[in-house]
Amino acid sequence: MTLRAFVVVALVGTVAASVAPWQGHAVGSDVDEQLVALMREIDRAHQTSDAATLDRIWADDYVLTDYRGTVKERAQALAEWKAGEHRYGSYVSDDIRVRAYGDAAVVTARVTRASMSDRQNVGEFRHTRVFVRQHGRWRLVATQVTPIAPQK
């Protein structure tokens, strides 16, 4: 190996080692399984209008940016669920991708849903959810919802 090739290999190795901690975790890890299970639990809570489950999963400082761009703090969002303002005929997450960084994780998914209480809240949406591990369990701290535009 020439000196130049050695320097290139050493440089690439150094860069890879410095970037590796930011790459998250191994696919299929225990964290993946926990967060995918939590996403499924959130789906069921939406399908059954289960405000108690959302109350348990949402962190105290949870914030939602809904599909219209409206920002709702935890208290407002939870009050709407408890009042029965949100009802879904279907609510299913797929294409779930987990990126964990210690006690924080970003989960993205496509959500196909059909609201029975809001005719505009029907179709496919991208969700970005931020979870943190607090006192040994994952809590949802933020959700951002974006409609997926129909393909032309």
N, C-alpha and C. Protein backbone atom coordinates (compact mmCIF):
# COMPACT_ATOMS: atom_id res chain seq x y z
N MET A 1 0.86 -1.17 0.00
CA MET A 1 0.00 0.00 0.00
C MET A 1 0.90 1.23 0.00
N THR A 2 0.58 2.16 -0.88
CA THR A 2 1.37 3.38 -0.95
C THR A 2 1.03 4.28 0.22
N LEU A 3 1.88 5.23 0.48
CA LEU A 3 1.65 6.18 1.56
C LEU A 3 0.36 6.96 1.31
N ARG A 4 0.12 7.33 0.07
CA ARG A 4 -1.10 8.08 -0.27
C ARG A 4 -2.34 7.24 0.02
N ALA A 5 -2.34 5.98 -0.40
CA ALA A 5 -3.48 5.09 -0.15
C ALA A 5 -3.68 4.90 1.34
N PHE A 6 -2.59 4.76 2.09
CA PHE A 6 -2.69 4.59 3.54
C PHE A 6 -3.34 5.81 4.19
N VAL A 7 -2.93 7.00 3.75
CA VAL A 7 -3.49 8.24 4.31
C VAL A 7 -4.99 8.33 3.99
N VAL A 8 -5.38 7.98 2.77
CA VAL A 8 -6.79 8.02 2.39
C VAL A 8 -7.59 7.05 3.25
N VAL A 9 -7.10 5.82 3.42
CA VAL A 9 -7.79 4.81 4.24
C VAL A 9 -7.89 5.28 5.68
N ALA A 10 -6.83 5.84 6.21
CA ALA A 10 -6.84 6.33 7.59
C ALA A 10 -7.82 7.49 7.75
N LEU A 11 -7.85 8.38 6.78
CA LEU A 11 -8.77 9.52 6.83
C LEU A 11 -10.22 9.06 6.76
N VAL A 12 -10.55 8.15 5.87
CA VAL A 12 -11.91 7.62 5.76
C VAL A 12 -12.30 6.92 7.06
N GLY A 13 -11.41 6.15 7.62
CA GLY A 13 -11.68 5.46 8.88
C GLY A 13 -11.94 6.43 10.01
N THR A 14 -11.17 7.51 10.06
CA THR A 14 -11.35 8.51 11.11
C THR A 14 -12.69 9.22 10.96
N VAL A 15 -13.06 9.59 9.74
CA VAL A 15 -14.34 10.25 9.49
C VAL A 15 -15.49 9.30 9.84
N ALA A 16 -15.40 8.05 9.42
CA ALA A 16 -16.45 7.08 9.71
C ALA A 16 -16.61 6.87 11.21
N ALA A 17 -15.52 6.81 11.92
CA ALA A 17 -15.60 6.62 13.38
C ALA A 17 -16.21 7.83 14.07
N SER A 18 -15.96 9.02 13.54
CA SER A 18 -16.52 10.21 14.18
C SER A 18 -18.00 10.40 13.86
N VAL A 19 -18.45 9.87 12.72
CA VAL A 19 -19.85 9.99 12.33
C VAL A 19 -20.68 8.88 12.95
N ALA A 20 -20.12 7.72 13.19
CA ALA A 20 -20.86 6.54 13.64
C ALA A 20 -21.77 6.78 14.83
N PRO A 21 -21.36 7.52 15.88
CA PRO A 21 -22.27 7.71 17.00
C PRO A 21 -23.56 8.42 16.64
N TRP A 22 -23.61 9.15 15.54
CA TRP A 22 -24.81 9.87 15.14
C TRP A 22 -25.70 9.06 14.22
N GLN A 23 -25.31 7.84 13.91
CA GLN A 23 -26.09 7.03 12.99
C GLN A 23 -27.24 6.30 13.66
N GLY A 24 -27.44 6.48 14.93
CA GLY A 24 -28.55 5.81 15.59
C GLY A 24 -28.13 4.47 16.13
N HIS A 25 -28.85 3.42 15.76
CA HIS A 25 -28.63 2.10 16.33
C HIS A 25 -28.87 1.05 15.25
N ALA A 26 -28.61 -0.18 15.59
CA ALA A 26 -28.79 -1.26 14.64
C ALA A 26 -30.27 -1.49 14.34
N VAL A 27 -30.57 -1.71 13.06
CA VAL A 27 -31.94 -2.00 12.65
C VAL A 27 -32.37 -3.31 13.32
N GLY A 28 -33.62 -3.34 13.76
CA GLY A 28 -34.12 -4.53 14.41
C GLY A 28 -33.76 -4.62 15.88
N SER A 29 -33.27 -3.54 16.44
CA SER A 29 -32.87 -3.54 17.84
C SER A 29 -34.09 -3.51 18.75
N ASP A 30 -33.84 -3.68 20.03
CA ASP A 30 -34.89 -3.63 21.04
C ASP A 30 -35.60 -2.27 21.01
N VAL A 31 -34.86 -1.20 20.78
CA VAL A 31 -35.45 0.14 20.70
C VAL A 31 -36.42 0.22 19.53
N ASP A 32 -36.01 -0.31 18.37
CA ASP A 32 -36.92 -0.35 17.21
C ASP A 32 -38.21 -1.04 17.59
N GLU A 33 -38.10 -2.21 18.19
CA GLU A 33 -39.28 -3.00 18.54
C GLU A 33 -40.18 -2.24 19.52
N GLN A 34 -39.59 -1.60 20.52
CA GLN A 34 -40.37 -0.84 21.50
C GLN A 34 -41.12 0.31 20.84
N LEU A 35 -40.45 1.04 19.97
CA LEU A 35 -41.07 2.21 19.36
C LEU A 35 -42.09 1.84 18.28
N VAL A 36 -41.84 0.78 17.54
CA VAL A 36 -42.84 0.32 16.57
C VAL A 36 -44.08 -0.16 17.33
N ALA A 37 -43.89 -0.86 18.44
CA ALA A 37 -45.04 -1.29 19.26
C ALA A 37 -45.80 -0.08 19.79
N LEU A 38 -45.09 0.96 20.18
CA LEU A 38 -45.74 2.18 20.67
C LEU A 38 -46.50 2.87 19.53
N MET A 39 -45.95 2.85 18.33
CA MET A 39 -46.66 3.42 17.18
C MET A 39 -47.97 2.65 16.94
N ARG A 40 -47.93 1.33 17.07
CA ARG A 40 -49.14 0.51 16.90
C ARG A 40 -50.16 0.84 17.99
N GLU A 41 -49.67 1.09 19.19
CA GLU A 41 -50.56 1.45 20.29
C GLU A 41 -51.22 2.81 20.03
N ILE A 42 -50.47 3.73 19.47
CA ILE A 42 -51.02 5.04 19.10
C ILE A 42 -52.07 4.87 18.01
N ASP A 43 -51.80 4.00 17.02
CA ASP A 43 -52.80 3.72 15.98
C ASP A 43 -54.11 3.23 16.62
N ARG A 44 -54.00 2.24 17.52
CA ARG A 44 -55.21 1.70 18.17
C ARG A 44 -55.94 2.77 18.96
N ALA A 45 -55.19 3.64 19.64
CA ALA A 45 -55.82 4.72 20.42
C ALA A 45 -56.61 5.65 19.50
N HIS A 46 -56.07 5.94 18.33
CA HIS A 46 -56.79 6.77 17.37
C HIS A 46 -58.03 6.05 16.85
N GLN A 47 -57.91 4.77 16.56
CA GLN A 47 -59.04 4.01 16.02
C GLN A 47 -60.18 3.86 17.02
N THR A 48 -59.83 3.83 18.31
CA THR A 48 -60.85 3.60 19.35
C THR A 48 -61.15 4.84 20.18
N SER A 49 -60.60 5.98 19.79
CA SER A 49 -60.78 7.25 20.52
C SER A 49 -60.40 7.09 22.00
N ASP A 50 -59.27 6.45 22.24
CA ASP A 50 -58.80 6.12 23.58
C ASP A 50 -57.92 7.24 24.14
N ALA A 51 -58.54 8.25 24.71
CA ALA A 51 -57.82 9.40 25.26
C ALA A 51 -56.90 8.99 26.40
N ALA A 52 -57.27 7.97 27.18
CA ALA A 52 -56.45 7.53 28.32
C ALA A 52 -55.10 7.01 27.84
N THR A 53 -55.07 6.29 26.73
CA THR A 53 -53.80 5.79 26.20
C THR A 53 -52.93 6.94 25.72
N LEU A 54 -53.52 7.91 25.03
CA LEU A 54 -52.75 9.07 24.59
C LEU A 54 -52.22 9.85 25.79
N ASP A 55 -53.02 9.99 26.81
CA ASP A 55 -52.62 10.67 28.04
C ASP A 55 -51.39 10.00 28.66
N ARG A 56 -51.35 8.67 28.61
CA ARG A 56 -50.24 7.91 29.18
C ARG A 56 -48.98 8.03 28.32
N ILE A 57 -49.14 8.05 27.01
CA ILE A 57 -47.99 8.07 26.09
C ILE A 57 -47.40 9.47 25.93
N TRP A 58 -48.25 10.48 25.90
CA TRP A 58 -47.77 11.85 25.68
C TRP A 58 -47.00 12.36 26.89
N ALA A 59 -45.85 12.97 26.65
CA ALA A 59 -45.08 13.62 27.71
C ALA A 59 -45.83 14.85 28.20
N ASP A 60 -45.47 15.33 29.37
CA ASP A 60 -46.13 16.50 29.95
C ASP A 60 -46.04 17.74 29.06
N ASP A 61 -44.96 17.84 28.28
CA ASP A 61 -44.77 19.00 27.41
C ASP A 61 -45.03 18.68 25.93
N TYR A 62 -45.85 17.65 25.68
CA TYR A 62 -46.17 17.23 24.31
C TYR A 62 -46.74 18.40 23.51
N VAL A 63 -46.37 18.45 22.23
CA VAL A 63 -46.90 19.45 21.32
C VAL A 63 -47.19 18.78 19.98
N LEU A 64 -48.33 19.14 19.40
CA LEU A 64 -48.77 18.60 18.12
C LEU A 64 -48.86 19.72 17.11
N THR A 65 -48.29 19.51 15.93
CA THR A 65 -48.54 20.38 14.80
C THR A 65 -49.36 19.55 13.83
N ASP A 66 -50.66 19.89 13.71
CA ASP A 66 -51.57 19.03 12.95
C ASP A 66 -51.43 19.27 11.44
N TYR A 67 -52.24 18.57 10.66
CA TYR A 67 -52.11 18.60 9.21
C TYR A 67 -52.44 19.97 8.61
N ARG A 68 -53.10 20.85 9.37
CA ARG A 68 -53.39 22.21 8.90
C ARG A 68 -52.29 23.20 9.28
N GLY A 69 -51.34 22.73 10.10
CA GLY A 69 -50.28 23.61 10.60
C GLY A 69 -50.63 24.25 11.93
N THR A 70 -51.74 23.84 12.53
CA THR A 70 -52.15 24.36 13.82
C THR A 70 -51.33 23.69 14.92
N VAL A 71 -50.77 24.50 15.81
CA VAL A 71 -49.97 23.98 16.92
C VAL A 71 -50.86 23.87 18.15
N LYS A 72 -50.83 22.68 18.76
CA LYS A 72 -51.65 22.43 19.96
C LYS A 72 -50.76 21.89 21.07
N GLU A 73 -50.89 22.51 22.22
CA GLU A 73 -50.20 22.00 23.41
C GLU A 73 -50.95 20.78 23.91
N ARG A 74 -50.32 20.01 24.77
CA ARG A 74 -50.87 18.77 25.29
C ARG A 74 -52.28 18.93 25.85
N ALA A 75 -52.49 19.94 26.70
CA ALA A 75 -53.79 20.12 27.36
C ALA A 75 -54.91 20.31 26.34
N GLN A 76 -54.68 21.14 25.33
CA GLN A 76 -55.70 21.39 24.32
C GLN A 76 -55.99 20.13 23.51
N ALA A 77 -54.92 19.44 23.06
CA ALA A 77 -55.10 18.23 22.25
C ALA A 77 -55.83 17.16 23.05
N LEU A 78 -55.45 16.97 24.30
CA LEU A 78 -56.08 15.94 25.13
C LEU A 78 -57.55 16.29 25.42
N ALA A 79 -57.84 17.56 25.66
CA ALA A 79 -59.23 17.98 25.90
C ALA A 79 -60.10 17.66 24.68
N GLU A 80 -59.57 17.84 23.48
CA GLU A 80 -60.33 17.52 22.27
C GLU A 80 -60.64 16.03 22.20
N TRP A 81 -59.67 15.19 22.54
CA TRP A 81 -59.89 13.74 22.53
C TRP A 81 -60.92 13.35 23.59
N LYS A 82 -60.80 13.92 24.78
CA LYS A 82 -61.73 13.58 25.85
C LYS A 82 -63.15 14.04 25.53
N ALA A 83 -63.29 15.11 24.76
CA ALA A 83 -64.60 15.64 24.37
C ALA A 83 -65.20 14.88 23.18
N GLY A 84 -64.45 13.93 22.64
CA GLY A 84 -64.95 13.14 21.51
C GLY A 84 -64.88 13.85 20.18
N GLU A 85 -64.03 14.85 20.06
CA GLU A 85 -63.94 15.62 18.82
C GLU A 85 -63.23 14.86 17.70
N HIS A 86 -62.48 13.81 18.04
CA HIS A 86 -61.73 13.06 17.03
C HIS A 86 -62.24 11.63 16.98
N ARG A 87 -62.71 11.23 15.80
CA ARG A 87 -63.17 9.86 15.59
C ARG A 87 -62.65 9.40 14.23
N TYR A 88 -62.09 8.20 14.21
CA TYR A 88 -61.53 7.65 12.98
C TYR A 88 -62.19 6.34 12.62
N GLY A 89 -62.49 6.19 11.33
CA GLY A 89 -62.96 4.91 10.82
C GLY A 89 -61.79 3.97 10.60
N SER A 90 -60.64 4.54 10.27
CA SER A 90 -59.41 3.76 10.13
C SER A 90 -58.22 4.68 10.40
N TYR A 91 -57.13 4.03 10.86
CA TYR A 91 -55.92 4.77 11.19
C TYR A 91 -54.79 3.75 11.24
N VAL A 92 -53.92 3.75 10.21
CA VAL A 92 -52.89 2.73 10.11
C VAL A 92 -51.56 3.37 9.73
N SER A 93 -50.52 3.07 10.51
CA SER A 93 -49.16 3.53 10.21
C SER A 93 -48.41 2.42 9.48
N ASP A 94 -47.65 2.82 8.46
CA ASP A 94 -46.71 1.89 7.82
C ASP A 94 -45.47 2.68 7.42
N ASP A 95 -44.55 2.02 6.76
CA ASP A 95 -43.27 2.65 6.40
C ASP A 95 -42.67 3.33 7.64
N ILE A 96 -42.70 2.64 8.77
CA ILE A 96 -42.20 3.18 10.03
C ILE A 96 -40.68 3.07 10.06
N ARG A 97 -40.03 4.19 10.32
CA ARG A 97 -38.56 4.23 10.40
C ARG A 97 -38.16 4.85 11.72
N VAL A 98 -37.31 4.16 12.43
CA VAL A 98 -36.86 4.59 13.76
C VAL A 98 -35.40 5.01 13.69
N ARG A 99 -35.11 6.16 14.25
CA ARG A 99 -33.72 6.64 14.39
C ARG A 99 -33.55 7.03 15.85
N ALA A 100 -32.84 6.20 16.60
CA ALA A 100 -32.68 6.44 18.03
C ALA A 100 -31.30 6.99 18.32
N TYR A 101 -31.25 7.89 19.30
CA TYR A 101 -30.02 8.54 19.71
C TYR A 101 -30.01 8.58 21.23
N GLY A 102 -29.60 7.49 21.84
CA GLY A 102 -29.60 7.42 23.30
C GLY A 102 -31.02 7.41 23.83
N ASP A 103 -31.36 8.42 24.62
CA ASP A 103 -32.69 8.50 25.22
C ASP A 103 -33.66 9.34 24.40
N ALA A 104 -33.35 9.54 23.13
CA ALA A 104 -34.24 10.26 22.21
C ALA A 104 -34.36 9.47 20.92
N ALA A 105 -35.48 9.62 20.24
CA ALA A 105 -35.67 8.93 18.97
C ALA A 105 -36.60 9.74 18.09
N VAL A 106 -36.34 9.68 16.80
CA VAL A 106 -37.20 10.28 15.79
C VAL A 106 -37.81 9.12 15.01
N VAL A 107 -39.13 9.11 14.93
CA VAL A 107 -39.84 8.05 14.21
C VAL A 107 -40.66 8.71 13.11
N THR A 108 -40.45 8.25 11.88
CA THR A 108 -41.25 8.74 10.76
C THR A 108 -42.13 7.60 10.26
N ALA A 109 -43.28 7.96 9.72
CA ALA A 109 -44.21 6.95 9.20
C ALA A 109 -45.17 7.59 8.22
N ARG A 110 -45.73 6.73 7.39
CA ARG A 110 -46.87 7.13 6.57
C ARG A 110 -48.10 6.66 7.33
N VAL A 111 -49.07 7.53 7.48
CA VAL A 111 -50.31 7.18 8.17
C VAL A 111 -51.45 7.35 7.18
N THR A 112 -52.19 6.27 6.98
CA THR A 112 -53.38 6.31 6.15
C THR A 112 -54.56 6.31 7.10
N ARG A 113 -55.39 7.34 6.98
CA ARG A 113 -56.47 7.49 7.95
C ARG A 113 -57.72 8.06 7.30
N ALA A 114 -58.83 7.77 7.97
CA ALA A 114 -60.12 8.28 7.53
C ALA A 114 -60.85 8.80 8.76
N SER A 115 -60.85 10.11 8.91
CA SER A 115 -61.55 10.73 10.03
C SER A 115 -63.04 10.73 9.76
N MET A 116 -63.80 10.41 10.78
CA MET A 116 -65.26 10.49 10.68
C MET A 116 -65.75 11.83 11.20
N SER A 117 -64.86 12.64 11.78
CA SER A 117 -65.25 13.92 12.35
C SER A 117 -64.71 15.12 11.56
N ASP A 118 -63.86 14.86 10.56
CA ASP A 118 -63.26 15.93 9.77
C ASP A 118 -63.04 15.40 8.35
N ARG A 119 -63.90 15.80 7.41
CA ARG A 119 -63.83 15.28 6.04
C ARG A 119 -62.50 15.58 5.34
N GLN A 120 -61.79 16.61 5.77
CA GLN A 120 -60.51 16.94 5.15
C GLN A 120 -59.37 16.09 5.71
N ASN A 121 -59.60 15.43 6.83
CA ASN A 121 -58.57 14.65 7.51
C ASN A 121 -58.66 13.19 7.06
N VAL A 122 -58.58 13.00 5.76
CA VAL A 122 -58.70 11.68 5.15
C VAL A 122 -57.59 11.53 4.12
N GLY A 123 -56.96 10.37 4.08
CA GLY A 123 -55.93 10.11 3.08
C GLY A 123 -54.62 9.70 3.72
N GLU A 124 -53.53 9.99 3.02
CA GLU A 124 -52.20 9.64 3.49
C GLU A 124 -51.48 10.88 4.01
N PHE A 125 -50.80 10.68 5.14
CA PHE A 125 -50.07 11.76 5.80
C PHE A 125 -48.71 11.24 6.22
N ARG A 126 -47.72 12.10 6.25
CA ARG A 126 -46.42 11.79 6.84
C ARG A 126 -46.43 12.31 8.27
N HIS A 127 -46.01 11.46 9.17
CA HIS A 127 -45.89 11.86 10.57
C HIS A 127 -44.42 11.80 10.95
N THR A 128 -43.96 12.80 11.66
CA THR A 128 -42.67 12.77 12.31
C THR A 128 -42.96 12.88 13.79
N ARG A 129 -42.50 11.90 14.55
CA ARG A 129 -42.75 11.87 15.99
C ARG A 129 -41.42 11.81 16.72
N VAL A 130 -41.31 12.60 17.77
CA VAL A 130 -40.11 12.62 18.59
C VAL A 130 -40.46 12.02 19.94
N PHE A 131 -39.70 10.99 20.32
CA PHE A 131 -39.88 10.32 21.59
C PHE A 131 -38.65 10.54 22.47
N VAL A 132 -38.85 10.58 23.78
CA VAL A 132 -37.74 10.59 24.73
C VAL A 132 -38.01 9.51 25.77
N ARG A 133 -36.93 8.92 26.27
CA ARG A 133 -37.07 7.93 27.32
C ARG A 133 -36.99 8.67 28.66
N GLN A 134 -38.08 8.63 29.41
CA GLN A 134 -38.16 9.29 30.72
C GLN A 134 -38.52 8.25 31.76
N HIS A 135 -37.71 8.16 32.79
CA HIS A 135 -37.97 7.22 33.89
C HIS A 135 -38.18 5.80 33.37
N GLY A 136 -37.37 5.42 32.38
CA GLY A 136 -37.38 4.05 31.88
C GLY A 136 -38.42 3.73 30.82
N ARG A 137 -39.23 4.71 30.40
CA ARG A 137 -40.21 4.40 29.35
C ARG A 137 -40.24 5.52 28.31
N TRP A 138 -40.62 5.14 27.10
CA TRP A 138 -40.68 6.09 26.00
C TRP A 138 -41.94 6.92 26.09
N ARG A 139 -41.77 8.24 25.92
CA ARG A 139 -42.89 9.19 25.92
C ARG A 139 -42.80 10.01 24.63
N LEU A 140 -43.95 10.34 24.09
CA LEU A 140 -44.03 11.14 22.88
C LEU A 140 -44.01 12.62 23.25
N VAL A 141 -43.05 13.38 22.69
CA VAL A 141 -42.94 14.80 23.03
C VAL A 141 -43.40 15.71 21.90
N ALA A 142 -43.39 15.21 20.65
CA ALA A 142 -43.81 16.07 19.54
C ALA A 142 -44.27 15.24 18.36
N THR A 143 -45.29 15.76 17.68
CA THR A 143 -45.78 15.15 16.45
C THR A 143 -45.95 16.26 15.41
N GLN A 144 -45.48 16.01 14.20
CA GLN A 144 -45.66 16.91 13.07
C GLN A 144 -46.37 16.10 11.98
N VAL A 145 -47.50 16.60 11.50
CA VAL A 145 -48.29 15.89 10.50
C VAL A 145 -48.29 16.69 9.20
N THR A 146 -48.02 16.02 8.08
CA THR A 146 -48.01 16.67 6.77
C THR A 146 -48.79 15.82 5.78
N PRO A 147 -49.77 16.41 5.09
CA PRO A 147 -50.51 15.63 4.07
C PRO A 147 -49.56 15.24 2.94
N ILE A 148 -49.75 14.04 2.42
CA ILE A 148 -49.01 13.60 1.23
C ILE A 148 -49.84 14.00 0.02
N ALA A 149 -49.26 14.80 -0.84
CA ALA A 149 -49.97 15.27 -2.03
C ALA A 149 -50.22 14.10 -2.97
N PRO A 150 -51.38 14.07 -3.61
CA PRO A 150 -51.66 13.02 -4.60
C PRO A 150 -50.63 13.04 -5.71
N GLN A 151 -50.23 11.87 -6.18
CA GLN A 151 -49.26 11.78 -7.29
C GLN A 151 -49.95 12.15 -8.59
N LYS A 152 -49.24 12.92 -9.41
CA LYS A 152 -49.80 13.35 -10.70
C LYS A 152 -49.36 12.43 -11.81
